[in-house]
Amino acid sequence: MLPTDGVIVRDPDILGGTAVFRGTRVPFKNLLDYLEGGHTLDEFLEEFPSVSREAAIAALERAKERCPGVTLDKSPR
């Protein structure tokens, strides 16, 4: 297993190495797609109950740290 951080992992045996939430087969990209599509974190968590709120928030915080200068549009769609 190739860790990218404590919450997100990449394993060639899980979805071909796609970055997923640790202990699940849920790609991190799914969370980004949900948020980009105007859905809430709660809606994502309802659809993917194997992902904890803490894991989702930690993954978003880690992504934010890796993308300095990028701001998220927090206006409602």
Protein backbone atom coordinates (compact mmCIF):
# COMPACT_ATOMS: atom_id res chain seq x y z
CA MET A 1 0.00 0.00 0.00
CA LEU A 2 1.33 3.45 -0.87
CA PRO A 3 0.05 6.02 1.67
CA THR A 4 -0.56 9.56 0.48
CA ASP A 5 -1.47 10.61 4.03
CA GLY A 6 -3.25 9.05 7.00
CA VAL A 7 -6.72 9.23 5.51
CA ILE A 8 -6.22 8.67 1.80
CA VAL A 9 -4.32 5.65 0.46
CA ARG A 10 -3.32 4.31 -2.92
CA ASP A 11 -3.04 0.56 -3.33
CA PRO A 12 -2.57 -1.08 -6.74
CA ASP A 13 -4.95 -3.83 -5.60
CA ILE A 14 -7.79 -1.39 -4.82
CA LEU A 15 -9.40 0.25 -7.83
CA GLY A 16 -6.13 0.07 -9.74
CA GLY A 17 -4.30 2.43 -7.38
CA THR A 18 -6.93 5.16 -7.31
CA ALA A 19 -6.69 7.34 -4.19
CA VAL A 20 -9.38 6.07 -1.79
CA PHE A 21 -10.40 6.71 1.79
CA ARG A 22 -8.48 4.31 4.04
CA GLY A 23 -10.44 1.14 4.75
CA THR A 24 -12.92 1.74 1.92
CA ARG A 25 -13.20 1.51 -1.84
CA VAL A 26 -14.52 5.09 -2.03
CA PRO A 27 -12.34 7.31 -4.23
CA PHE A 28 -11.41 10.72 -2.83
CA LYS A 29 -12.40 12.14 -6.22
CA ASN A 30 -16.00 11.17 -5.46
CA LEU A 31 -16.01 13.66 -2.60
CA LEU A 32 -14.59 16.39 -4.80
CA ASP A 33 -17.14 15.60 -7.53
CA TYR A 34 -20.01 15.79 -5.04
CA LEU A 35 -18.89 19.15 -3.70
CA GLU A 36 -18.17 20.51 -7.16
CA GLY A 37 -21.66 19.45 -8.22
CA GLY A 38 -23.19 21.56 -5.48
CA HIS A 39 -23.94 18.75 -3.05
CA THR A 40 -23.22 19.05 0.65
CA LEU A 41 -20.79 17.04 2.72
CA ASP A 42 -23.78 15.52 4.51
CA GLU A 43 -25.19 14.29 1.18
CA PHE A 44 -21.84 12.68 0.34
CA LEU A 45 -21.68 11.01 3.75
CA GLU A 46 -25.21 9.68 3.38
CA GLU A 47 -24.32 8.15 0.01
CA PHE A 48 -20.98 6.74 1.25
CA PRO A 49 -21.52 5.74 4.90
CA SER A 50 -18.17 3.92 5.07
CA VAL A 51 -16.47 7.35 5.01
CA SER A 52 -16.52 9.18 8.34
CA ARG A 53 -17.08 12.91 8.61
CA GLU A 54 -13.67 13.22 10.26
CA ALA A 55 -11.97 11.39 7.38
CA ALA A 56 -13.69 13.56 4.76
CA ILE A 57 -12.76 16.79 6.52
CA ALA A 58 -9.18 15.64 7.11
CA ALA A 59 -8.82 14.73 3.42
CA LEU A 60 -10.15 18.12 2.32
CA GLU A 61 -7.82 19.90 4.74
CA ARG A 62 -4.86 17.89 3.41
CA ALA A 63 -5.82 18.70 -0.18
CA LYS A 64 -6.08 22.39 0.73
CA GLU A 65 -2.56 22.28 2.25
CA ARG A 66 -1.21 20.79 -0.98
CA CYS A 67 -2.76 23.50 -3.15
CA PRO A 68 -1.54 26.84 -1.77
CA GLY A 69 -3.19 29.87 -3.27
CA VAL A 70 -6.35 27.97 -4.20
CA THR A 71 -9.56 29.18 -2.61
CA LEU A 72 -12.87 27.40 -2.55
CA ASP A 73 -15.98 29.19 -3.73
CA LYS A 74 -18.29 28.96 -0.74
CA SER A 75 -21.24 30.66 -2.38
CA PRO A 76 -24.37 28.52 -2.79
CA ARG A 77 -25.17 27.28 -6.26
